[in-house]
Amino acid sequence: MPPVLLASTLLLFVTLGYGSLCVASPFGNCRKCRGWGHAVTTDRKGKTKRGKDCRRCKATGKRIRVGRHLYNVAARLHRDGTR
């Protein structure tokens, strides 16, 4: 199997896999707070406590995936263009 064909097949499988992931689960964990929705800090005794709310995900712990965002933009553009 030529390397170009192998690379294009692998790229196709990765793209389809990520596309199916975006369809099945459009929201992923926030990368800043790791899905907690807030920062985790410690007090002077070393005990963990809740910190400030995450501004990136607005304290939900979830963010929309990049692929799903691109799909939403394309769908909105198509919908607005065909009205």
PDB file of N, CA and C in Angstrom:
ATOM      1  N   MET A   1       0.841  -1.168   0.000  1.00  0.00           N
ATOM      2  CA  MET A   1       0.000   0.000   0.000  1.00  0.00           C
ATOM      3  C   MET A   1       0.894   1.242   0.000  1.00  0.00           C
ATOM      4  N   PRO A   2       0.705   2.150  -0.951  1.00  0.00           N
ATOM      5  CA  PRO A   2       1.538   3.357  -1.000  1.00  0.00           C
ATOM      6  C   PRO A   2       1.313   4.242   0.222  1.00  0.00           C
ATOM      7  N   PRO A   3       2.356   4.952   0.641  1.00  0.00           N
ATOM      8  CA  PRO A   3       2.242   5.794   1.842  1.00  0.00           C
ATOM      9  C   PRO A   3       1.195   6.901   1.715  1.00  0.00           C
ATOM     10  N   VAL A   4       0.997   7.431   0.506  1.00  0.00           N
ATOM     11  CA  VAL A   4       0.012   8.498   0.327  1.00  0.00           C
ATOM     12  C   VAL A   4      -1.397   7.966   0.559  1.00  0.00           C
ATOM     13  N   LEU A   5      -1.671   6.784   0.037  1.00  0.00           N
ATOM     14  CA  LEU A   5      -2.991   6.168   0.227  1.00  0.00           C
ATOM     15  C   LEU A   5      -3.218   5.823   1.695  1.00  0.00           C
ATOM     16  N   LEU A   6      -2.191   5.327   2.349  1.00  0.00           N
ATOM     17  CA  LEU A   6      -2.287   4.998   3.770  1.00  0.00           C
ATOM     18  C   LEU A   6      -2.536   6.246   4.613  1.00  0.00           C
ATOM     19  N   ALA A   7      -1.838   7.322   4.309  1.00  0.00           N
ATOM     20  CA  ALA A   7      -2.012   8.569   5.070  1.00  0.00           C
ATOM     21  C   ALA A   7      -3.395   9.160   4.846  1.00  0.00           C
ATOM     22  N   SER A   8      -3.882   9.128   3.608  1.00  0.00           N
ATOM     23  CA  SER A   8      -5.209   9.686   3.344  1.00  0.00           C
ATOM     24  C   SER A   8      -6.306   8.841   3.984  1.00  0.00           C
ATOM     25  N   THR A   9      -6.132   7.523   4.017  1.00  0.00           N
ATOM     26  CA  THR A   9      -7.103   6.646   4.673  1.00  0.00           C
ATOM     27  C   THR A   9      -7.125   6.902   6.173  1.00  0.00           C
ATOM     28  N   LEU A  10      -5.939   7.045   6.762  1.00  0.00           N
ATOM     29  CA  LEU A  10      -5.850   7.331   8.193  1.00  0.00           C
ATOM     30  C   LEU A  10      -6.489   8.678   8.524  1.00  0.00           C
ATOM     31  N   LEU A  11      -6.244   9.682   7.703  1.00  0.00           N
ATOM     32  CA  LEU A  11      -6.837  11.004   7.907  1.00  0.00           C
ATOM     33  C   LEU A  11      -8.359  10.949   7.794  1.00  0.00           C
ATOM     34  N   LEU A  12      -8.857  10.158   6.866  1.00  0.00           N
ATOM     35  CA  LEU A  12     -10.307   9.993   6.704  1.00  0.00           C
ATOM     36  C   LEU A  12     -10.927   9.361   7.946  1.00  0.00           C
ATOM     37  N   PHE A  13     -10.285   8.323   8.485  1.00  0.00           N
ATOM     38  CA  PHE A  13     -10.808   7.664   9.683  1.00  0.00           C
ATOM     39  C   PHE A  13     -10.775   8.580  10.907  1.00  0.00           C
ATOM     40  N   VAL A  14      -9.723   9.352  11.047  1.00  0.00           N
ATOM     41  CA  VAL A  14      -9.625  10.284  12.175  1.00  0.00           C
ATOM     42  C   VAL A  14     -10.699  11.367  12.064  1.00  0.00           C
ATOM     43  N   THR A  15     -10.912  11.882  10.858  1.00  0.00           N
ATOM     44  CA  THR A  15     -11.920  12.917  10.649  1.00  0.00           C
ATOM     45  C   THR A  15     -13.327  12.390  10.911  1.00  0.00           C
ATOM     46  N   LEU A  16     -13.633  11.208  10.412  1.00  0.00           N
ATOM     47  CA  LEU A  16     -14.949  10.623  10.652  1.00  0.00           C
ATOM     48  C   LEU A  16     -15.155  10.288  12.127  1.00  0.00           C
ATOM     49  N   GLY A  17     -14.092   9.848  12.797  1.00  0.00           N
ATOM     50  CA  GLY A  17     -14.189   9.552  14.227  1.00  0.00           C
ATOM     51  C   GLY A  17     -14.474  10.809  15.046  1.00  0.00           C
ATOM     52  N   TYR A  18     -13.778  11.905  14.731  1.00  0.00           N
ATOM     53  CA  TYR A  18     -14.011  13.153  15.458  1.00  0.00           C
ATOM     54  C   TYR A  18     -15.394  13.725  15.130  1.00  0.00           C
ATOM     55  N   GLY A  19     -15.817  13.581  13.877  1.00  0.00           N
ATOM     56  CA  GLY A  19     -17.154  14.045  13.498  1.00  0.00           C
ATOM     57  C   GLY A  19     -18.237  13.286  14.237  1.00  0.00           C
ATOM     58  N   SER A  20     -18.083  11.975  14.370  1.00  0.00           N
ATOM     59  CA  SER A  20     -19.074  11.193  15.106  1.00  0.00           C
ATOM     60  C   SER A  20     -19.041  11.521  16.594  1.00  0.00           C
ATOM     61  N   LEU A  21     -17.865  11.844  17.129  1.00  0.00           N
ATOM     62  CA  LEU A  21     -17.771  12.267  18.524  1.00  0.00           C
ATOM     63  C   LEU A  21     -18.507  13.588  18.741  1.00  0.00           C
ATOM     64  N   CYS A  22     -18.375  14.526  17.792  1.00  0.00           N
ATOM     65  CA  CYS A  22     -19.058  15.811  17.908  1.00  0.00           C
ATOM     66  C   CYS A  22     -20.571  15.658  17.803  1.00  0.00           C
ATOM     67  N   VAL A  23     -21.028  14.679  17.028  1.00  0.00           N
ATOM     68  CA  VAL A  23     -22.473  14.433  16.920  1.00  0.00           C
ATOM     69  C   VAL A  23     -22.987  13.777  18.203  1.00  0.00           C
ATOM     70  N   ALA A  24     -22.258  12.799  18.705  1.00  0.00           N
ATOM     71  CA  ALA A  24     -22.713  12.062  19.886  1.00  0.00           C
ATOM     72  C   ALA A  24     -22.598  12.892  21.164  1.00  0.00           C
ATOM     73  N   SER A  25     -21.520  13.668  21.291  1.00  0.00           N
ATOM     74  CA  SER A  25     -21.299  14.451  22.499  1.00  0.00           C
ATOM     75  C   SER A  25     -20.759  15.822  22.108  1.00  0.00           C
ATOM     76  N   PRO A  26     -21.658  16.794  21.822  1.00  0.00           N
ATOM     77  CA  PRO A  26     -21.195  18.094  21.340  1.00  0.00           C
ATOM     78  C   PRO A  26     -20.462  18.927  22.384  1.00  0.00           C
ATOM     79  N   PHE A  27     -20.600  18.603  23.652  1.00  0.00           N
ATOM     80  CA  PHE A  27     -19.934  19.365  24.707  1.00  0.00           C
ATOM     81  C   PHE A  27     -18.870  18.501  25.364  1.00  0.00           C
ATOM     82  N   GLY A  28     -17.688  19.079  25.544  1.00  0.00           N
ATOM     83  CA  GLY A  28     -16.589  18.408  26.227  1.00  0.00           C
ATOM     84  C   GLY A  28     -16.247  19.149  27.498  1.00  0.00           C
ATOM     85  N   ASN A  29     -15.376  18.563  28.300  1.00  0.00           N
ATOM     86  CA  ASN A  29     -14.963  19.213  29.538  1.00  0.00           C
ATOM     87  C   ASN A  29     -14.152  20.461  29.239  1.00  0.00           C
ATOM     88  N   CYS A  30     -14.300  21.451  30.090  1.00  0.00           N
ATOM     89  CA  CYS A  30     -13.524  22.687  29.968  1.00  0.00           C
ATOM     90  C   CYS A  30     -12.055  22.362  30.232  1.00  0.00           C
ATOM     91  N   ARG A  31     -11.178  22.903  29.398  1.00  0.00           N
ATOM     92  CA  ARG A  31      -9.757  22.607  29.551  1.00  0.00           C
ATOM     93  C   ARG A  31      -9.121  23.409  30.681  1.00  0.00           C
ATOM     94  N   LYS A  32      -9.712  24.505  31.054  1.00  0.00           N
ATOM     95  CA  LYS A  32      -9.121  25.340  32.102  1.00  0.00           C
ATOM     96  C   LYS A  32      -9.411  24.775  33.492  1.00  0.00           C
ATOM     97  N   CYS A  33     -10.656  24.413  33.739  1.00  0.00           N
ATOM     98  CA  CYS A  33     -11.017  23.912  35.070  1.00  0.00           C
ATOM     99  C   CYS A  33     -11.142  22.390  35.106  1.00  0.00           C
ATOM    100  N   ARG A  34     -10.878  21.730  33.980  1.00  0.00           N
ATOM    101  CA  ARG A  34     -10.938  20.268  33.846  1.00  0.00           C
ATOM    102  C   ARG A  34     -12.314  19.698  34.170  1.00  0.00           C
ATOM    103  N   GLY A  35     -13.361  20.470  33.881  1.00  0.00           N
ATOM    104  CA  GLY A  35     -14.726  19.987  34.071  1.00  0.00           C
ATOM    105  C   GLY A  35     -15.307  20.214  35.451  1.00  0.00           C
ATOM    106  N   TRP A  36     -14.576  20.835  36.342  1.00  0.00           N
ATOM    107  CA  TRP A  36     -15.077  21.094  37.686  1.00  0.00           C
ATOM    108  C   TRP A  36     -15.998  22.301  37.721  1.00  0.00           C
ATOM    109  N   GLY A  37     -15.756  23.300  36.893  1.00  0.00           N
ATOM    110  CA  GLY A  37     -16.570  24.508  36.907  1.00  0.00           C
ATOM    111  C   GLY A  37     -16.015  25.586  37.812  1.00  0.00           C
ATOM    112  N   HIS A  38     -14.963  25.257  38.534  1.00  0.00           N
ATOM    113  CA  HIS A  38     -14.337  26.218  39.438  1.00  0.00           C
ATOM    114  C   HIS A  38     -12.902  25.786  39.687  1.00  0.00           C
ATOM    115  N   ALA A  39     -12.127  26.694  40.233  1.00  0.00           N
ATOM    116  CA  ALA A  39     -10.749  26.367  40.594  1.00  0.00           C
ATOM    117  C   ALA A  39     -10.747  25.657  41.940  1.00  0.00           C
ATOM    118  N   VAL A  40      -9.766  24.807  42.147  1.00  0.00           N
ATOM    119  CA  VAL A  40      -9.616  24.119  43.422  1.00  0.00           C
ATOM    120  C   VAL A  40      -8.385  24.697  44.096  1.00  0.00           C
ATOM    121  N   THR A  41      -8.568  25.230  45.282  1.00  0.00           N
ATOM    122  CA  THR A  41      -7.461  25.810  46.037  1.00  0.00           C
ATOM    123  C   THR A  41      -7.349  25.109  47.383  1.00  0.00           C
ATOM    124  N   THR A  42      -6.306  25.425  48.108  1.00  0.00           N
ATOM    125  CA  THR A  42      -6.124  24.856  49.442  1.00  0.00           C
ATOM    126  C   THR A  42      -6.026  25.988  50.459  1.00  0.00           C
ATOM    127  N   ASP A  43      -6.480  25.703  51.651  1.00  0.00           N
ATOM    128  CA  ASP A  43      -6.338  26.700  52.714  1.00  0.00           C
ATOM    129  C   ASP A  43      -4.980  26.514  53.409  1.00  0.00           C
ATOM    130  N   ARG A  44      -4.758  27.227  54.487  1.00  0.00           N
ATOM    131  CA  ARG A  44      -3.455  27.181  55.146  1.00  0.00           C
ATOM    132  C   ARG A  44      -3.157  25.829  55.774  1.00  0.00           C
ATOM    133  N   LYS A  45      -4.186  25.058  56.098  1.00  0.00           N
ATOM    134  CA  LYS A  45      -3.985  23.741  56.698  1.00  0.00           C
ATOM    135  C   LYS A  45      -3.736  22.662  55.636  1.00  0.00           C
ATOM    136  N   GLY A  46      -3.914  23.011  54.355  1.00  0.00           N
ATOM    137  CA  GLY A  46      -3.722  22.041  53.287  1.00  0.00           C
ATOM    138  C   GLY A  46      -5.012  21.357  52.850  1.00  0.00           C
ATOM    139  N   LYS A  47      -6.114  21.790  53.420  1.00  0.00           N
ATOM    140  CA  LYS A  47      -7.406  21.217  53.080  1.00  0.00           C
ATOM    141  C   LYS A  47      -7.906  21.846  51.776  1.00  0.00           C
ATOM    142  N   THR A  48      -8.414  21.027  50.854  1.00  0.00           N
ATOM    143  CA  THR A  48      -8.890  21.565  49.582  1.00  0.00           C
ATOM    144  C   THR A  48     -10.229  22.259  49.772  1.00  0.00           C
ATOM    145  N   LYS A  49     -10.415  23.323  49.031  1.00  0.00           N
ATOM    146  CA  LYS A  49     -11.675  24.048  49.085  1.00  0.00           C
ATOM    147  C   LYS A  49     -11.991  24.600  47.702  1.00  0.00           C
ATOM    148  N   ARG A  50     -13.199  25.019  47.527  1.00  0.00           N
ATOM    149  CA  ARG A  50     -13.668  25.533  46.251  1.00  0.00           C
ATOM    150  C   ARG A  50     -13.126  26.938  46.032  1.00  0.00           C
ATOM    151  N   GLY A  51     -12.620  27.177  44.819  1.00  0.00           N
ATOM    152  CA  GLY A  51     -12.093  28.493  44.488  1.00  0.00           C
ATOM    153  C   GLY A  51     -13.099  29.293  43.684  1.00  0.00           C
ATOM    154  N   LYS A  52     -12.596  30.194  42.864  1.00  0.00           N
ATOM    155  CA  LYS A  52     -13.458  31.046  42.050  1.00  0.00           C
ATOM    156  C   LYS A  52     -14.088  30.255  40.909  1.00  0.00           C
ATOM    157  N   ASP A  53     -15.247  30.743  40.454  1.00  0.00           N
ATOM    158  CA  ASP A  53     -15.904  30.139  39.301  1.00  0.00           C
ATOM    159  C   ASP A  53     -15.056  30.339  38.049  1.00  0.00           C
ATOM    160  N   CYS A  54     -15.118  29.360  37.163  1.00  0.00           N
ATOM    161  CA  CYS A  54     -14.367  29.433  35.915  1.00  0.00           C
ATOM    162  C   CYS A  54     -15.057  30.411  34.973  1.00  0.00           C
ATOM    163  N   ARG A  55     -14.291  31.381  34.468  1.00  0.00           N
ATOM    164  CA  ARG A  55     -14.879  32.373  33.560  1.00  0.00           C
ATOM    165  C   ARG A  55     -15.012  31.831  32.145  1.00  0.00           C
ATOM    166  N   ARG A  56     -14.188  30.878  31.787  1.00  0.00           N
ATOM    167  CA  ARG A  56     -14.205  30.356  30.422  1.00  0.00           C
ATOM    168  C   ARG A  56     -15.485  29.563  30.132  1.00  0.00           C
ATOM    169  N   CYS A  57     -15.907  28.722  31.070  1.00  0.00           N
ATOM    170  CA  CYS A  57     -17.108  27.908  30.846  1.00  0.00           C
ATOM    171  C   CYS A  57     -18.312  28.420  31.633  1.00  0.00           C
ATOM    172  N   LYS A  58     -18.161  29.543  32.301  1.00  0.00           N
ATOM    173  CA  LYS A  58     -19.225  30.147  33.117  1.00  0.00           C
ATOM    174  C   LYS A  58     -19.727  29.193  34.200  1.00  0.00           C
ATOM    175  N   ALA A  59     -18.801  28.491  34.823  1.00  0.00           N
ATOM    176  CA  ALA A  59     -19.033  27.600  35.973  1.00  0.00           C
ATOM    177  C   ALA A  59     -19.900  26.396  35.638  1.00  0.00           C
ATOM    178  N   THR A  60     -19.980  25.996  34.375  1.00  0.00           N
ATOM    179  CA  THR A  60     -20.728  24.789  34.019  1.00  0.00           C
ATOM    180  C   THR A  60     -19.821  23.577  33.923  1.00  0.00           C
ATOM    181  N   GLY A  61     -18.535  23.795  33.629  1.00  0.00           N
ATOM    182  CA  GLY A  61     -17.602  22.692  33.465  1.00  0.00           C
ATOM    183  C   GLY A  61     -17.600  22.124  32.062  1.00  0.00           C
ATOM    184  N   LYS A  62     -18.476  22.617  31.188  1.00  0.00           N
ATOM    185  CA  LYS A  62     -18.586  22.104  29.826  1.00  0.00           C
ATOM    186  C   LYS A  62     -18.385  23.221  28.820  1.00  0.00           C
ATOM    187  N   ARG A  63     -17.751  22.886  27.691  1.00  0.00           N
ATOM    188  CA  ARG A  63     -17.583  23.820  26.581  1.00  0.00           C
ATOM    189  C   ARG A  63     -17.909  23.099  25.292  1.00  0.00           C
ATOM    190  N   ILE A  64     -18.348  23.855  24.293  1.00  0.00           N
ATOM    191  CA  ILE A  64     -18.688  23.262  23.009  1.00  0.00           C
ATOM    192  C   ILE A  64     -17.396  22.874  22.284  1.00  0.00           C
ATOM    193  N   ARG A  65     -17.414  21.731  21.635  1.00  0.00           N
ATOM    194  CA  ARG A  65     -16.231  21.263  20.906  1.00  0.00           C
ATOM    195  C   ARG A  65     -16.008  22.117  19.665  1.00  0.00           C
ATOM    196  N   VAL A  66     -14.767  22.164  19.190  1.00  0.00           N
ATOM    197  CA  VAL A  66     -14.406  22.983  18.033  1.00  0.00           C
ATOM    198  C   VAL A  66     -15.150  22.509  16.789  1.00  0.00           C
ATOM    199  N   GLY A  67     -15.214  21.196  16.592  1.00  0.00           N
ATOM    200  CA  GLY A  67     -15.909  20.658  15.424  1.00  0.00           C
ATOM    201  C   GLY A  67     -17.393  20.978  15.438  1.00  0.00           C
ATOM    202  N   ARG A  68     -18.003  20.909  16.595  1.00  0.00           N
ATOM    203  CA  ARG A  68     -19.427  21.230  16.699  1.00  0.00           C
ATOM    204  C   ARG A  68     -19.656  22.717  16.461  1.00  0.00           C
ATOM    205  N   HIS A  69     -18.742  23.561  16.941  1.00  0.00           N
ATOM    206  CA  HIS A  69     -18.855  24.997  16.713  1.00  0.00           C
ATOM    207  C   HIS A  69     -18.768  25.309  15.216  1.00  0.00           C
ATOM    208  N   LEU A  70     -17.837  24.668  14.514  1.00  0.00           N
ATOM    209  CA  LEU A  70     -17.716  24.877  13.071  1.00  0.00           C
ATOM    210  C   LEU A  70     -18.971  24.405  12.334  1.00  0.00           C
ATOM    211  N   TYR A  71     -19.542  23.284  12.773  1.00  0.00           N
ATOM    212  CA  TYR A  71     -20.783  22.804  12.168  1.00  0.00           C
ATOM    213  C   TYR A  71     -21.919  23.792  12.407  1.00  0.00           C
ATOM    214  N   ASN A  72     -22.019  24.333  13.619  1.00  0.00           N
ATOM    215  CA  ASN A  72     -23.084  25.293  13.922  1.00  0.00           C
ATOM    216  C   ASN A  72     -22.945  26.560  13.082  1.00  0.00           C
ATOM    217  N   VAL A  73     -21.702  27.024  12.882  1.00  0.00           N
ATOM    218  CA  VAL A  73     -21.472  28.218  12.063  1.00  0.00           C
ATOM    219  C   VAL A  73     -21.880  27.952  10.616  1.00  0.00           C
ATOM    220  N   ALA A  74     -21.486  26.787  10.079  1.00  0.00           N
ATOM    221  CA  ALA A  74     -21.833  26.448   8.695  1.00  0.00           C
ATOM    222  C   ALA A  74     -23.344  26.287   8.526  1.00  0.00           C
ATOM    223  N   ALA A  75     -24.003  25.661   9.490  1.00  0.00           N
ATOM    224  CA  ALA A  75     -25.452  25.478   9.408  1.00  0.00           C
ATOM    225  C   ALA A  75     -26.181  26.822   9.489  1.00  0.00           C
ATOM    226  N   ARG A  76     -25.697  27.716  10.353  1.00  0.00           N
ATOM    227  CA  ARG A  76     -26.311  29.038  10.468  1.00  0.00           C
ATOM    228  C   ARG A  76     -26.118  29.841   9.189  1.00  0.00           C
ATOM    229  N   LEU A  77     -24.934  29.757   8.587  1.00  0.00           N
ATOM    230  CA  LEU A  77     -24.656  30.449   7.340  1.00  0.00           C
ATOM    231  C   LEU A  77     -25.540  29.924   6.211  1.00  0.00           C
ATOM    232  N   HIS A  78     -25.709  28.615   6.145  1.00  0.00           N
ATOM    233  CA  HIS A  78     -26.571  28.019   5.109  1.00  0.00           C
ATOM    234  C   HIS A  78     -28.038  28.419   5.330  1.00  0.00           C
ATOM    235  N   ARG A  79     -28.477  28.363   6.588  1.00  0.00           N
ATOM    236  CA  ARG A  79     -29.855  28.710   6.902  1.00  0.00           C
ATOM    237  C   ARG A  79     -30.156  30.163   6.583  1.00  0.00           C
ATOM    238  N   ASP A  80     -29.234  31.068   6.912  1.00  0.00           N
ATOM    239  CA  ASP A  80     -29.441  32.486   6.631  1.00  0.00           C
ATOM    240  C   ASP A  80     -29.352  32.777   5.138  1.00  0.00           C
ATOM    241  N   GLY A  81     -28.557  32.004   4.404  1.00  0.00           N
ATOM    242  CA  GLY A  81     -28.400  32.251   2.981  1.00  0.00           C
ATOM    243  C   GLY A  81     -29.544  31.717   2.145  1.00  0.00           C
ATOM    244  N   THR A  82     -30.320  30.780   2.669  1.00  0.00           N
ATOM    245  CA  THR A  82     -31.412  30.183   1.899  1.00  0.00           C
ATOM    246  C   THR A  82     -32.770  30.713   2.291  1.00  0.00           C
ATOM    247  N   ARG A  83     -32.828  31.723   3.099  1.00  0.00           N
ATOM    248  CA  ARG A  83     -34.124  32.292   3.490  1.00  0.00           C
ATOM    249  C   ARG A  83     -34.686  33.158   2.407  1.00  0.00           C
TER     250      ARG A  83
END
